[in-house]
């Protein structure tokens, strides 16, 4: 069955009333840090109490970036005329001014921040007090190892998310690395909406072949594979190979601008082998896959620019792509109503992998 074509003149940038990762906590130290989130240039810094904060990256006086300034007693000082701003964006000092400095027009917009799970998160709408919290990473299970990576892809948010959760491309783009080196198997994908977004559970997926699979899951067992899109911009992949192996990949995607997405990947895995043994085996493979994906997304983005936006023809095996697009443009259209249960909407799709 063929799904309707999807066409949009402009890629969806992302939801405004939402939290995104601005940077890892370790990157925000004693100097201001410039970051762009959802098209907003921001300056991040720590106040005198050590807490992270984010302001629009421009001095209200002459629009010089605050990120090239310095920190003075927990305030950020503009490098041009020395205007100083507190962590809430309020102008607190103007050198040489005798008649007072407390004017609303002299303040700069402030973005709410939360520091959790080793990341600084920012709320993309300025001067608001959010009623929600950022996405919470699950605690690391006993015996598991965690690896974190940052990948910048020249891609709008939607194609980057779809790529992370797209099964069919793995047998072509990643042939021999992930899939595509054996006869295809017919499986089912059960797609369902959740309170947080949408997910696909793959049923009947065969155990991966090759030496790596034998090392990671020597006793075999049933493969459990679930891909999840979690609003506003989380791509989550979960694999269980019998009782031996569990892999959970959270790709925390931050839309920098219309054609750039920064992915903070948090990979947690548990196998029979110690993490220090498995990590050197998996790292080159993961890096090569990331590189291939980044290359194809760059080529796709070039084409989007050439042809004036997204003009897609989709099929049923584009399992999550259309659902993600609907949620990014109209969150209420893809999620269940408050009085509905998530299982009230689901579908099954057959595909070969």
C-alpha atoms as a PDB file:
ATOM      1  CA  UNK A   1       0.000   0.000   0.000  1.00  0.00           C
ATOM      2  CA  UNK A   2       1.348   3.405  -0.964  1.00  0.00           C
ATOM      3  CA  UNK A   3       1.055   6.304   1.435  1.00  0.00           C
ATOM      4  CA  UNK A   4       0.192   9.795   0.180  1.00  0.00           C
ATOM      5  CA  UNK A   5       3.038  11.914  -1.103  1.00  0.00           C
ATOM      6  CA  UNK A   6       4.320  14.453   1.369  1.00  0.00           C
ATOM      7  CA  UNK A   7       5.285  17.893   0.168  1.00  0.00           C
ATOM      8  CA  UNK A   8       6.342  20.967   2.072  1.00  0.00           C
ATOM      9  CA  UNK A   9       8.045  24.082   0.830  1.00  0.00           C
ATOM     10  CA  UNK A  10      10.043  24.527   4.040  1.00  0.00           C
ATOM     11  CA  UNK A  11      11.383  21.832   6.369  1.00  0.00           C
ATOM     12  CA  UNK A  12       9.947  21.916   9.899  1.00  0.00           C
ATOM     13  CA  UNK A  13      12.487  23.569  12.171  1.00  0.00           C
ATOM     14  CA  UNK A  14      11.117  22.143  15.419  1.00  0.00           C
ATOM     15  CA  UNK A  15       8.644  22.801  18.215  1.00  0.00           C
ATOM     16  CA  UNK A  16       9.082  26.133  19.998  1.00  0.00           C
ATOM     17  CA  UNK A  17       7.492  25.161  23.316  1.00  0.00           C
ATOM     18  CA  UNK A  18      10.072  22.474  24.003  1.00  0.00           C
ATOM     19  CA  UNK A  19      13.406  21.604  25.609  1.00  0.00           C
ATOM     20  CA  UNK A  20      16.570  20.904  23.602  1.00  0.00           C
ATOM     21  CA  UNK A  21      20.143  20.053  24.519  1.00  0.00           C
ATOM     22  CA  UNK A  22      22.352  23.129  24.217  1.00  0.00           C
ATOM     23  CA  UNK A  23      25.623  21.491  25.254  1.00  0.00           C
ATOM     24  CA  UNK A  24      27.162  18.865  27.515  1.00  0.00           C
ATOM     25  CA  UNK A  25      27.645  20.160  31.060  1.00  0.00           C
ATOM     26  CA  UNK A  26      31.401  19.633  30.804  1.00  0.00           C
ATOM     27  CA  UNK A  27      31.626  22.134  27.913  1.00  0.00           C
ATOM     28  CA  UNK A  28      30.270  24.995  30.006  1.00  0.00           C
ATOM     29  CA  UNK A  29      33.038  26.067  32.345  1.00  0.00           C
ATOM     30  CA  UNK A  30      34.500  29.495  33.119  1.00  0.00           C
ATOM     31  CA  UNK A  31      33.959  31.160  29.762  1.00  0.00           C
ATOM     32  CA  UNK A  32      30.774  32.096  27.891  1.00  0.00           C
ATOM     33  CA  UNK A  33      29.709  29.577  25.254  1.00  0.00           C
ATOM     34  CA  UNK A  34      27.900  30.400  21.999  1.00  0.00           C
ATOM     35  CA  UNK A  35      25.227  27.994  20.804  1.00  0.00           C
ATOM     36  CA  UNK A  36      22.285  28.216  18.407  1.00  0.00           C
ATOM     37  CA  UNK A  37      19.044  26.387  19.144  1.00  0.00           C
ATOM     38  CA  UNK A  38      16.007  26.534  16.870  1.00  0.00           C
ATOM     39  CA  UNK A  39      17.570  29.488  15.067  1.00  0.00           C
ATOM     40  CA  UNK A  40      18.117  31.471  18.277  1.00  0.00           C
ATOM     41  CA  UNK A  41      21.764  32.535  18.854  1.00  0.00           C
ATOM     42  CA  UNK A  42      22.354  32.023  22.586  1.00  0.00           C
ATOM     43  CA  UNK A  43      25.118  32.705  25.049  1.00  0.00           C
ATOM     44  CA  UNK A  44      25.443  30.195  27.866  1.00  0.00           C
ATOM     45  CA  UNK A  45      27.335  30.891  31.065  1.00  0.00           C
ATOM     46  CA  UNK A  46      27.347  30.022  34.749  1.00  0.00           C
ATOM     47  CA  UNK A  47      26.267  32.534  37.361  1.00  0.00           C
ATOM     48  CA  UNK A  48      27.986  33.108  40.675  1.00  0.00           C
ATOM     49  CA  UNK A  49      26.084  30.107  42.087  1.00  0.00           C
ATOM     50  CA  UNK A  50      27.468  27.837  39.351  1.00  0.00           C
ATOM     51  CA  UNK A  51      24.074  27.311  37.704  1.00  0.00           C
ATOM     52  CA  UNK A  52      23.838  27.406  33.916  1.00  0.00           C
ATOM     53  CA  UNK A  53      21.859  30.127  32.201  1.00  0.00           C
ATOM     54  CA  UNK A  54      21.129  31.144  28.599  1.00  0.00           C
ATOM     55  CA  UNK A  55      20.484  34.579  27.094  1.00  0.00           C
ATOM     56  CA  UNK A  56      19.948  35.803  23.561  1.00  0.00           C
ATOM     57  CA  UNK A  57      23.450  36.348  22.218  1.00  0.00           C
ATOM     58  CA  UNK A  58      23.339  40.081  21.604  1.00  0.00           C
ATOM     59  CA  UNK A  59      23.900  43.107  23.786  1.00  0.00           C
ATOM     60  CA  UNK A  60      20.811  45.325  23.863  1.00  0.00           C
ATOM     61  CA  UNK A  61      23.024  48.390  23.316  1.00  0.00           C
ATOM     62  CA  UNK A  62      24.683  47.809  19.922  1.00  0.00           C
ATOM     63  CA  UNK A  63      23.950  44.134  19.258  1.00  0.00           C
ATOM     64  CA  UNK A  64      27.519  42.892  19.791  1.00  0.00           C
ATOM     65  CA  UNK A  65      27.514  39.151  20.643  1.00  0.00           C
ATOM     66  CA  UNK A  66      27.704  38.654  24.389  1.00  0.00           C
ATOM     67  CA  UNK A  67      29.479  35.349  23.831  1.00  0.00           C
ATOM     68  CA  UNK A  68      32.713  37.234  23.028  1.00  0.00           C
ATOM     69  CA  UNK A  69      32.480  39.035  26.368  1.00  0.00           C
ATOM     70  CA  UNK A  70      33.732  38.077  29.807  1.00  0.00           C
ATOM     71  CA  UNK A  71      32.234  36.998  33.129  1.00  0.00           C
ATOM     72  CA  UNK A  72      32.385  39.479  36.007  1.00  0.00           C
ATOM     73  CA  UNK A  73      31.098  38.316  39.408  1.00  0.00           C
ATOM     74  CA  UNK A  74      28.506  36.019  37.860  1.00  0.00           C
ATOM     75  CA  UNK A  75      27.385  38.562  35.246  1.00  0.00           C
ATOM     76  CA  UNK A  76      28.245  38.612  31.561  1.00  0.00           C
ATOM     77  CA  UNK A  77      29.920  41.786  30.326  1.00  0.00           C
ATOM     78  CA  UNK A  78      29.735  43.021  26.743  1.00  0.00           C
ATOM     79  CA  UNK A  79      33.158  43.441  25.211  1.00  0.00           C
ATOM     80  CA  UNK A  80      32.219  46.707  23.442  1.00  0.00           C
ATOM     81  CA  UNK A  81      30.894  49.109  26.110  1.00  0.00           C
ATOM     82  CA  UNK A  82      30.903  46.923  29.199  1.00  0.00           C
ATOM     83  CA  UNK A  83      27.168  46.568  29.750  1.00  0.00           C
ATOM     84  CA  UNK A  84      26.631  43.755  32.266  1.00  0.00           C
ATOM     85  CA  UNK A  85      23.717  41.331  32.413  1.00  0.00           C
ATOM     86  CA  UNK A  86      22.576  38.992  35.167  1.00  0.00           C
ATOM     87  CA  UNK A  87      21.502  35.401  34.698  1.00  0.00           C
ATOM     88  CA  UNK A  88      17.888  36.498  34.105  1.00  0.00           C
ATOM     89  CA  UNK A  89      18.878  38.854  31.262  1.00  0.00           C
ATOM     90  CA  UNK A  90      18.403  42.021  33.308  1.00  0.00           C
ATOM     91  CA  UNK A  91      20.911  44.786  32.636  1.00  0.00           C
ATOM     92  CA  UNK A  92      22.659  45.365  35.959  1.00  0.00           C
ATOM     93  CA  UNK A  93      25.475  47.781  35.105  1.00  0.00           C
ATOM     94  CA  UNK A  94      26.339  50.366  32.442  1.00  0.00           C
ATOM     95  CA  UNK A  95      29.795  51.903  32.965  1.00  0.00           C
ATOM     96  CA  UNK A  96      29.753  55.726  32.853  1.00  0.00           C
ATOM     97  CA  UNK A  97      25.956  56.103  33.068  1.00  0.00           C
ATOM     98  CA  UNK A  98      24.874  58.443  35.884  1.00  0.00           C
ATOM     99  CA  UNK A  99      21.053  58.413  35.650  1.00  0.00           C
ATOM    100  CA  UNK A 100      20.378  54.710  36.285  1.00  0.00           C
ATOM    101  CA  UNK A 101      20.357  51.705  34.049  1.00  0.00           C
ATOM    102  CA  UNK A 102      17.195  49.811  34.976  1.00  0.00           C
ATOM    103  CA  UNK A 103      15.122  49.986  31.790  1.00  0.00           C
ATOM    104  CA  UNK A 104      13.231  47.086  30.225  1.00  0.00           C
ATOM    105  CA  UNK A 105      14.540  47.973  26.756  1.00  0.00           C
ATOM    106  CA  UNK A 106      18.070  47.478  28.052  1.00  0.00           C
ATOM    107  CA  UNK A 107      17.451  43.860  29.080  1.00  0.00           C
ATOM    108  CA  UNK A 108      17.985  40.862  26.821  1.00  0.00           C
ATOM    109  CA  UNK A 109      15.697  37.806  26.437  1.00  0.00           C
ATOM    110  CA  UNK A 110      16.362  34.891  28.758  1.00  0.00           C
ATOM    111  CA  UNK A 111      15.867  31.179  28.026  1.00  0.00           C
ATOM    112  CA  UNK A 112      14.958  28.782  30.832  1.00  0.00           C
ATOM    113  CA  UNK A 113      17.678  26.207  31.512  1.00  0.00           C
ATOM    114  CA  UNK A 114      17.845  22.857  33.284  1.00  0.00           C
ATOM    115  CA  UNK A 115      20.963  20.793  33.881  1.00  0.00           C
ATOM    116  CA  UNK A 116      20.287  17.041  33.925  1.00  0.00           C
ATOM    117  CA  UNK A 117      21.995  13.814  32.912  1.00  0.00           C
ATOM    118  CA  UNK A 118      25.213  15.656  32.057  1.00  0.00           C
ATOM    119  CA  UNK A 119      23.523  18.066  29.623  1.00  0.00           C
ATOM    120  CA  UNK A 120      22.458  21.694  29.702  1.00  0.00           C
ATOM    121  CA  UNK A 121      18.923  21.896  28.297  1.00  0.00           C
ATOM    122  CA  UNK A 122      17.295  25.122  27.122  1.00  0.00           C
ATOM    123  CA  UNK A 123      13.638  25.957  26.532  1.00  0.00           C
ATOM    124  CA  UNK A 124      13.337  27.305  23.002  1.00  0.00           C
ATOM    125  CA  UNK A 125      10.826  30.077  23.749  1.00  0.00           C
ATOM    126  CA  UNK A 126      12.385  33.087  25.504  1.00  0.00           C
ATOM    127  CA  UNK A 127      11.175  34.705  28.725  1.00  0.00           C
ATOM    128  CA  UNK A 128       8.853  31.850  29.639  1.00  0.00           C
ATOM    129  CA  UNK A 129       8.530  29.656  32.719  1.00  0.00           C
ATOM    130  CA  UNK A 130       7.995  26.123  31.348  1.00  0.00           C
ATOM    131  CA  UNK A 131       5.537  23.753  32.992  1.00  0.00           C
ATOM    132  CA  UNK A 132       7.382  20.720  31.589  1.00  0.00           C
ATOM    133  CA  UNK A 133      10.770  19.079  32.142  1.00  0.00           C
ATOM    134  CA  UNK A 134      13.324  17.880  29.575  1.00  0.00           C
ATOM    135  CA  UNK A 135      13.474  14.275  28.400  1.00  0.00           C
ATOM    136  CA  UNK A 136      14.927  12.077  31.145  1.00  0.00           C
ATOM    137  CA  UNK A 137      17.492   9.413  30.302  1.00  0.00           C
ATOM    138  CA  UNK A 138      16.846   6.077  31.963  1.00  0.00           C
ATOM    139  CA  UNK A 139      19.323   5.148  34.714  1.00  0.00           C
ATOM    140  CA  UNK A 140      22.200   2.987  33.522  1.00  0.00           C
ATOM    141  CA  UNK A 141      21.355  -0.632  34.353  1.00  0.00           C
ATOM    142  CA  UNK A 142      23.813  -2.745  36.375  1.00  0.00           C
ATOM    143  CA  UNK A 143      26.715  -4.000  34.290  1.00  0.00           C
ATOM    144  CA  UNK A 144      26.019  -1.608  31.406  1.00  0.00           C
ATOM    145  CA  UNK A 145      28.512   0.706  29.717  1.00  0.00           C
ATOM    146  CA  UNK A 146      27.704   4.166  28.374  1.00  0.00           C
ATOM    147  CA  UNK A 147      29.268   5.948  25.394  1.00  0.00           C
ATOM    148  CA  UNK A 148      28.454   9.500  24.326  1.00  0.00           C
ATOM    149  CA  UNK A 149      29.090  11.093  20.952  1.00  0.00           C
ATOM    150  CA  UNK A 150      28.256  14.430  19.296  1.00  0.00           C
ATOM    151  CA  UNK A 151      27.490  14.383  15.576  1.00  0.00           C
ATOM    152  CA  UNK A 152      26.659  17.464  13.490  1.00  0.00           C
ATOM    153  CA  UNK A 153      24.629  16.663  10.387  1.00  0.00           C
ATOM    154  CA  UNK A 154      23.798  19.055   7.554  1.00  0.00           C
ATOM    155  CA  UNK A 155      20.122  18.219   7.688  1.00  0.00           C
ATOM    156  CA  UNK A 156      16.772  19.590   8.811  1.00  0.00           C
ATOM    157  CA  UNK A 157      15.404  18.018  11.978  1.00  0.00           C
ATOM    158  CA  UNK A 158      12.803  15.759  10.351  1.00  0.00           C
ATOM    159  CA  UNK A 159      15.160  13.962   7.907  1.00  0.00           C
ATOM    160  CA  UNK A 160      17.721  13.521  10.688  1.00  0.00           C
ATOM    161  CA  UNK A 161      15.132  11.928  12.981  1.00  0.00           C
ATOM    162  CA  UNK A 162      13.726   9.746  10.202  1.00  0.00           C
ATOM    163  CA  UNK A 163      17.214   8.565   9.272  1.00  0.00           C
ATOM    164  CA  UNK A 164      17.959   7.534  12.857  1.00  0.00           C
ATOM    165  CA  UNK A 165      14.770   5.423  12.996  1.00  0.00           C
ATOM    166  CA  UNK A 166      14.618   4.162   9.402  1.00  0.00           C
ATOM    167  CA  UNK A 167      15.091   0.413   8.942  1.00  0.00           C
ATOM    168  CA  UNK A 168      14.933  -0.001   5.102  1.00  0.00           C
ATOM    169  CA  UNK A 169      17.966   2.190   4.355  1.00  0.00           C
ATOM    170  CA  UNK A 170      20.279   0.075   6.522  1.00  0.00           C
ATOM    171  CA  UNK A 171      20.366  -2.780   3.995  1.00  0.00           C
ATOM    172  CA  UNK A 172      21.411  -0.368   1.231  1.00  0.00           C
ATOM    173  CA  UNK A 173      23.473   2.468   2.716  1.00  0.00           C
ATOM    174  CA  UNK A 174      25.045   0.282   5.427  1.00  0.00           C
ATOM    175  CA  UNK A 175      25.139  -2.967   3.460  1.00  0.00           C
ATOM    176  CA  UNK A 176      27.487  -5.454   5.082  1.00  0.00           C
ATOM    177  CA  UNK A 177      27.880  -3.337   8.205  1.00  0.00           C
ATOM    178  CA  UNK A 178      24.408  -3.702   9.623  1.00  0.00           C
ATOM    179  CA  UNK A 179      22.097  -5.508   7.182  1.00  0.00           C
ATOM    180  CA  UNK A 180      22.005  -6.519   3.538  1.00  0.00           C
ATOM    181  CA  UNK A 181      24.586  -9.338   3.563  1.00  0.00           C
ATOM    182  CA  UNK A 182      22.081 -12.207   3.583  1.00  0.00           C
ATOM    183  CA  UNK A 183      18.742 -13.153   2.042  1.00  0.00           C
ATOM    184  CA  UNK A 184      15.975 -10.825   3.278  1.00  0.00           C
ATOM    185  CA  UNK A 185      13.458 -11.978   5.872  1.00  0.00           C
ATOM    186  CA  UNK A 186       9.825 -10.890   5.985  1.00  0.00           C
ATOM    187  CA  UNK A 187       8.878  -9.338   9.332  1.00  0.00           C
ATOM    188  CA  UNK A 188       6.121  -7.165  10.778  1.00  0.00           C
ATOM    189  CA  UNK A 189       6.272  -3.685  12.223  1.00  0.00           C
ATOM    190  CA  UNK A 190       3.591  -2.790  14.744  1.00  0.00           C
ATOM    191  CA  UNK A 191       3.282   1.000  14.773  1.00  0.00           C
ATOM    192  CA  UNK A 192       1.454   2.661  17.653  1.00  0.00           C
ATOM    193  CA  UNK A 193       1.084   6.057  19.183  1.00  0.00           C
ATOM    194  CA  UNK A 194       2.281   6.722  22.687  1.00  0.00           C
ATOM    195  CA  UNK A 195       1.686   9.618  25.084  1.00  0.00           C
ATOM    196  CA  UNK A 196       5.177  10.852  24.139  1.00  0.00           C
ATOM    197  CA  UNK A 197       5.085  10.305  20.375  1.00  0.00           C
ATOM    198  CA  UNK A 198       5.075   7.174  18.219  1.00  0.00           C
ATOM    199  CA  UNK A 199       6.904   3.844  18.153  1.00  0.00           C
ATOM    200  CA  UNK A 200       7.463   0.812  15.929  1.00  0.00           C
ATOM    201  CA  UNK A 201       7.984  -2.676  17.335  1.00  0.00           C
ATOM    202  CA  UNK A 202       9.576  -5.106  14.873  1.00  0.00           C
ATOM    203  CA  UNK A 203       8.283  -8.649  15.199  1.00  0.00           C
ATOM    204  CA  UNK A 204      10.056 -11.717  13.827  1.00  0.00           C
ATOM    205  CA  UNK A 205      13.372  -9.983  13.171  1.00  0.00           C
ATOM    206  CA  UNK A 206      16.164 -12.559  12.812  1.00  0.00           C
ATOM    207  CA  UNK A 207      19.232 -12.534  15.006  1.00  0.00           C
ATOM    208  CA  UNK A 208      22.149 -10.654  13.381  1.00  0.00           C
ATOM    209  CA  UNK A 209      24.715 -12.900  11.746  1.00  0.00           C
ATOM    210  CA  UNK A 210      28.488 -12.813  11.866  1.00  0.00           C
ATOM    211  CA  UNK A 211      31.235 -12.840  14.438  1.00  0.00           C
ATOM    212  CA  UNK A 212      30.078  -9.684  16.231  1.00  0.00           C
ATOM    213  CA  UNK A 213      26.653 -11.172  16.951  1.00  0.00           C
ATOM    214  CA  UNK A 214      28.207 -14.374  18.251  1.00  0.00           C
ATOM    215  CA  UNK A 215      30.449 -12.400  20.572  1.00  0.00           C
ATOM    216  CA  UNK A 216      27.711 -10.105  21.848  1.00  0.00           C
ATOM    217  CA  UNK A 217      24.958 -12.699  22.190  1.00  0.00           C
ATOM    218  CA  UNK A 218      26.535 -16.183  22.105  1.00  0.00           C
ATOM    219  CA  UNK A 219      23.385 -17.978  23.268  1.00  0.00           C
ATOM    220  CA  UNK A 220      21.173 -16.477  20.591  1.00  0.00           C
ATOM    221  CA  UNK A 221      17.571 -15.917  21.610  1.00  0.00           C
ATOM    222  CA  UNK A 222      14.660 -13.832  20.386  1.00  0.00           C
ATOM    223  CA  UNK A 223      15.408 -10.380  19.019  1.00  0.00           C
ATOM    224  CA  UNK A 224      13.316  -7.578  20.504  1.00  0.00           C
ATOM    225  CA  UNK A 225      13.616  -4.356  18.547  1.00  0.00           C
ATOM    226  CA  UNK A 226      11.648  -1.157  19.225  1.00  0.00           C
ATOM    227  CA  UNK A 227      12.225   2.254  17.621  1.00  0.00           C
ATOM    228  CA  UNK A 228      10.666   5.289  19.275  1.00  0.00           C
ATOM    229  CA  UNK A 229      10.187   8.930  18.377  1.00  0.00           C
ATOM    230  CA  UNK A 230       9.719  10.971  21.535  1.00  0.00           C
ATOM    231  CA  UNK A 231       8.673  14.610  21.312  1.00  0.00           C
ATOM    232  CA  UNK A 232      10.144  17.041  20.681  1.00  0.00           C
ATOM    233  CA  UNK A 233      13.261  15.549  19.050  1.00  0.00           C
ATOM    234  CA  UNK A 234      14.383  12.243  20.556  1.00  0.00           C
ATOM    235  CA  UNK A 235      15.115   9.171  18.419  1.00  0.00           C
ATOM    236  CA  UNK A 236      15.424   6.040  20.550  1.00  0.00           C
ATOM    237  CA  UNK A 237      16.486   2.584  19.360  1.00  0.00           C
ATOM    238  CA  UNK A 238      16.299  -0.421  21.664  1.00  0.00           C
ATOM    239  CA  UNK A 239      17.585  -3.927  20.923  1.00  0.00           C
ATOM    240  CA  UNK A 240      17.528  -6.997  23.129  1.00  0.00           C
ATOM    241  CA  UNK A 241      19.253 -10.150  21.879  1.00  0.00           C
ATOM    242  CA  UNK A 242      18.052 -12.901  24.152  1.00  0.00           C
ATOM    243  CA  UNK A 243      19.207 -12.507  27.729  1.00  0.00           C
ATOM    244  CA  UNK A 244      22.795 -11.681  26.796  1.00  0.00           C
ATOM    245  CA  UNK A 245      22.671  -8.279  25.201  1.00  0.00           C
ATOM    246  CA  UNK A 246      20.748  -5.038  25.587  1.00  0.00           C
ATOM    247  CA  UNK A 247      21.431  -1.919  23.504  1.00  0.00           C
ATOM    248  CA  UNK A 248      19.698   1.419  24.037  1.00  0.00           C
ATOM    249  CA  UNK A 249      20.574   4.382  21.812  1.00  0.00           C
ATOM    250  CA  UNK A 250      19.125   7.811  22.598  1.00  0.00           C
ATOM    251  CA  UNK A 251      19.773  10.413  19.909  1.00  0.00           C
ATOM    252  CA  UNK A 252      18.990  13.799  21.457  1.00  0.00           C
ATOM    253  CA  UNK A 253      18.542  15.964  18.370  1.00  0.00           C
ATOM    254  CA  UNK A 254      18.884  19.732  18.588  1.00  0.00           C
ATOM    255  CA  UNK A 255      17.729  21.757  15.564  1.00  0.00           C
ATOM    256  CA  UNK A 256      20.414  24.419  15.209  1.00  0.00           C
ATOM    257  CA  UNK A 257      18.868  26.051  12.170  1.00  0.00           C
ATOM    258  CA  UNK A 258      16.834  25.047   9.140  1.00  0.00           C
ATOM    259  CA  UNK A 259      19.592  22.844   7.663  1.00  0.00           C
ATOM    260  CA  UNK A 260      21.756  21.851  10.617  1.00  0.00           C
ATOM    261  CA  UNK A 261      21.002  19.375  13.400  1.00  0.00           C
ATOM    262  CA  UNK A 262      23.321  18.546  16.282  1.00  0.00           C
ATOM    263  CA  UNK A 263      22.903  15.030  17.654  1.00  0.00           C
ATOM    264  CA  UNK A 264      23.993  14.142  21.167  1.00  0.00           C
ATOM    265  CA  UNK A 265      24.030  10.339  21.054  1.00  0.00           C
ATOM    266  CA  UNK A 266      23.935   8.425  24.342  1.00  0.00           C
ATOM    267  CA  UNK A 267      24.621   4.728  23.769  1.00  0.00           C
ATOM    268  CA  UNK A 268      24.160   2.269  26.640  1.00  0.00           C
ATOM    269  CA  UNK A 269      24.917  -1.424  26.209  1.00  0.00           C
ATOM    270  CA  UNK A 270      25.184  -4.554  28.299  1.00  0.00           C
ATOM    271  CA  UNK A 271      26.610  -7.854  27.061  1.00  0.00           C
ATOM    272  CA  UNK A 272      28.238 -10.920  28.551  1.00  0.00           C
ATOM    273  CA  UNK A 273      31.609  -9.440  27.699  1.00  0.00           C
ATOM    274  CA  UNK A 274      32.989  -6.560  29.803  1.00  0.00           C
ATOM    275  CA  UNK A 275      32.316  -3.094  28.443  1.00  0.00           C
ATOM    276  CA  UNK A 276      36.034  -2.350  27.996  1.00  0.00           C
ATOM    277  CA  UNK A 277      36.238  -5.323  25.619  1.00  0.00           C
ATOM    278  CA  UNK A 278      33.106  -4.487  23.605  1.00  0.00           C
ATOM    279  CA  UNK A 279      33.667  -0.733  23.272  1.00  0.00           C
ATOM    280  CA  UNK A 280      36.740  -0.965  20.969  1.00  0.00           C
ATOM    281  CA  UNK A 281      34.809  -3.433  18.776  1.00  0.00           C
ATOM    282  CA  UNK A 282      31.698  -1.298  18.436  1.00  0.00           C
ATOM    283  CA  UNK A 283      33.250   2.171  18.190  1.00  0.00           C
ATOM    284  CA  UNK A 284      34.760   1.853  14.653  1.00  0.00           C
ATOM    285  CA  UNK A 285      31.516   0.292  13.381  1.00  0.00           C
ATOM    286  CA  UNK A 286      29.366   3.041  14.921  1.00  0.00           C
ATOM    287  CA  UNK A 287      31.665   5.766  13.600  1.00  0.00           C
ATOM    288  CA  UNK A 288      31.507   4.374  10.079  1.00  0.00           C
ATOM    289  CA  UNK A 289      27.703   4.159  10.191  1.00  0.00           C
ATOM    290  CA  UNK A 290      27.472   7.746  11.524  1.00  0.00           C
ATOM    291  CA  UNK A 291      29.767   8.920   8.710  1.00  0.00           C
ATOM    292  CA  UNK A 292      27.657   7.214   6.031  1.00  0.00           C
ATOM    293  CA  UNK A 293      24.456   8.676   7.461  1.00  0.00           C
ATOM    294  CA  UNK A 294      25.977  12.166   7.663  1.00  0.00           C
ATOM    295  CA  UNK A 295      27.061  11.938   4.027  1.00  0.00           C
ATOM    296  CA  UNK A 296      23.654  10.877   2.732  1.00  0.00           C
ATOM    297  CA  UNK A 297      21.860  13.521   4.814  1.00  0.00           C
ATOM    298  CA  UNK A 298      24.214  16.182   3.417  1.00  0.00           C
ATOM    299  CA  UNK A 299      23.374  15.071  -0.122  1.00  0.00           C
ATOM    300  CA  UNK A 300      19.655  15.030   0.702  1.00  0.00           C
ATOM    301  CA  UNK A 301      19.826  18.565   2.133  1.00  0.00           C
ATOM    302  CA  UNK A 302      21.560  19.815  -0.991  1.00  0.00           C
ATOM    303  CA  UNK A 303      18.690  18.415  -3.027  1.00  0.00           C
ATOM    304  CA  UNK A 304      16.099  19.983  -0.709  1.00  0.00           C
ATOM    305  CA  UNK A 305      17.658  23.370  -1.338  1.00  0.00           C
ATOM    306  CA  UNK A 306      17.841  22.782  -5.089  1.00  0.00           C
ATOM    307  CA  UNK A 307      14.180  21.776  -5.385  1.00  0.00           C
ATOM    308  CA  UNK A 308      12.783  24.249  -2.859  1.00  0.00           C
ATOM    309  CA  UNK A 309      11.931  21.990   0.053  1.00  0.00           C
ATOM    310  CA  UNK A 310      10.593  18.521   0.777  1.00  0.00           C
ATOM    311  CA  UNK A 311       8.778  16.726  -2.046  1.00  0.00           C
ATOM    312  CA  UNK A 312       8.439  13.137  -0.859  1.00  0.00           C
ATOM    313  CA  UNK A 313       6.680  10.051  -2.195  1.00  0.00           C
ATOM    314  CA  UNK A 314       6.272   7.547   0.641  1.00  0.00           C
ATOM    315  CA  UNK A 315       5.337   3.896   1.038  1.00  0.00           C
ATOM    316  CA  UNK A 316       4.105   1.813   3.958  1.00  0.00           C
ATOM    317  CA  UNK A 317       7.640   0.748   4.875  1.00  0.00           C
ATOM    318  CA  UNK A 318       8.554   4.367   5.626  1.00  0.00           C
ATOM    319  CA  UNK A 319       7.353   3.261   9.007  1.00  0.00           C
ATOM    320  CA  UNK A 320       7.817   6.343  11.205  1.00  0.00           C
ATOM    321  CA  UNK A 321       8.700   9.150   8.804  1.00  0.00           C
ATOM    322  CA  UNK A 322       5.188  10.464   8.143  1.00  0.00           C
ATOM    323  CA  UNK A 323       4.193  10.175  11.789  1.00  0.00           C
ATOM    324  CA  UNK A 324       7.256  12.186  12.832  1.00  0.00           C
ATOM    325  CA  UNK A 325       6.477  14.866  10.220  1.00  0.00           C
ATOM    326  CA  UNK A 326       2.887  15.204  11.487  1.00  0.00           C
ATOM    327  CA  UNK A 327       3.994  15.492  15.087  1.00  0.00           C
ATOM    328  CA  UNK A 328       6.630  18.123  14.305  1.00  0.00           C
ATOM    329  CA  UNK A 329       4.100  20.287  12.488  1.00  0.00           C
ATOM    330  CA  UNK A 330       1.011  19.563  14.559  1.00  0.00           C
ATOM    331  CA  UNK A 331       1.854  17.751  17.819  1.00  0.00           C
ATOM    332  CA  UNK A 332      -1.807  17.322  18.721  1.00  0.00           C
ATOM    333  CA  UNK A 333      -2.585  15.593  15.388  1.00  0.00           C
ATOM    334  CA  UNK A 334      -0.395  12.551  15.982  1.00  0.00           C
ATOM    335  CA  UNK A 335      -0.701  12.087  19.722  1.00  0.00           C
ATOM    336  CA  UNK A 336      -3.712  10.583  21.506  1.00  0.00           C
ATOM    337  CA  UNK A 337      -6.247  12.858  23.143  1.00  0.00           C
ATOM    338  CA  UNK A 338      -6.103  13.257  26.896  1.00  0.00           C
ATOM    339  CA  UNK A 339      -8.940  10.776  27.422  1.00  0.00           C
ATOM    340  CA  UNK A 340      -7.649   8.207  24.910  1.00  0.00           C
ATOM    341  CA  UNK A 341      -5.364   5.261  25.466  1.00  0.00           C
ATOM    342  CA  UNK A 342      -2.269   5.042  23.231  1.00  0.00           C
ATOM    343  CA  UNK A 343      -3.271   1.580  22.043  1.00  0.00           C
ATOM    344  CA  UNK A 344      -6.429   3.020  20.473  1.00  0.00           C
ATOM    345  CA  UNK A 345      -4.356   3.720  17.336  1.00  0.00           C
ATOM    346  CA  UNK A 346      -2.048   1.149  15.806  1.00  0.00           C
ATOM    347  CA  UNK A 347      -1.268  -0.551  12.526  1.00  0.00           C
ATOM    348  CA  UNK A 348       0.799  -3.491  11.309  1.00  0.00           C
ATOM    349  CA  UNK A 349       3.078  -3.303   8.287  1.00  0.00           C
ATOM    350  CA  UNK A 350       4.922  -6.111   6.516  1.00  0.00           C
ATOM    351  CA  UNK A 351       8.425  -5.490   5.217  1.00  0.00           C
ATOM    352  CA  UNK A 352      11.597  -7.356   4.322  1.00  0.00           C
ATOM    353  CA  UNK A 353      14.884  -6.811   6.159  1.00  0.00           C
END
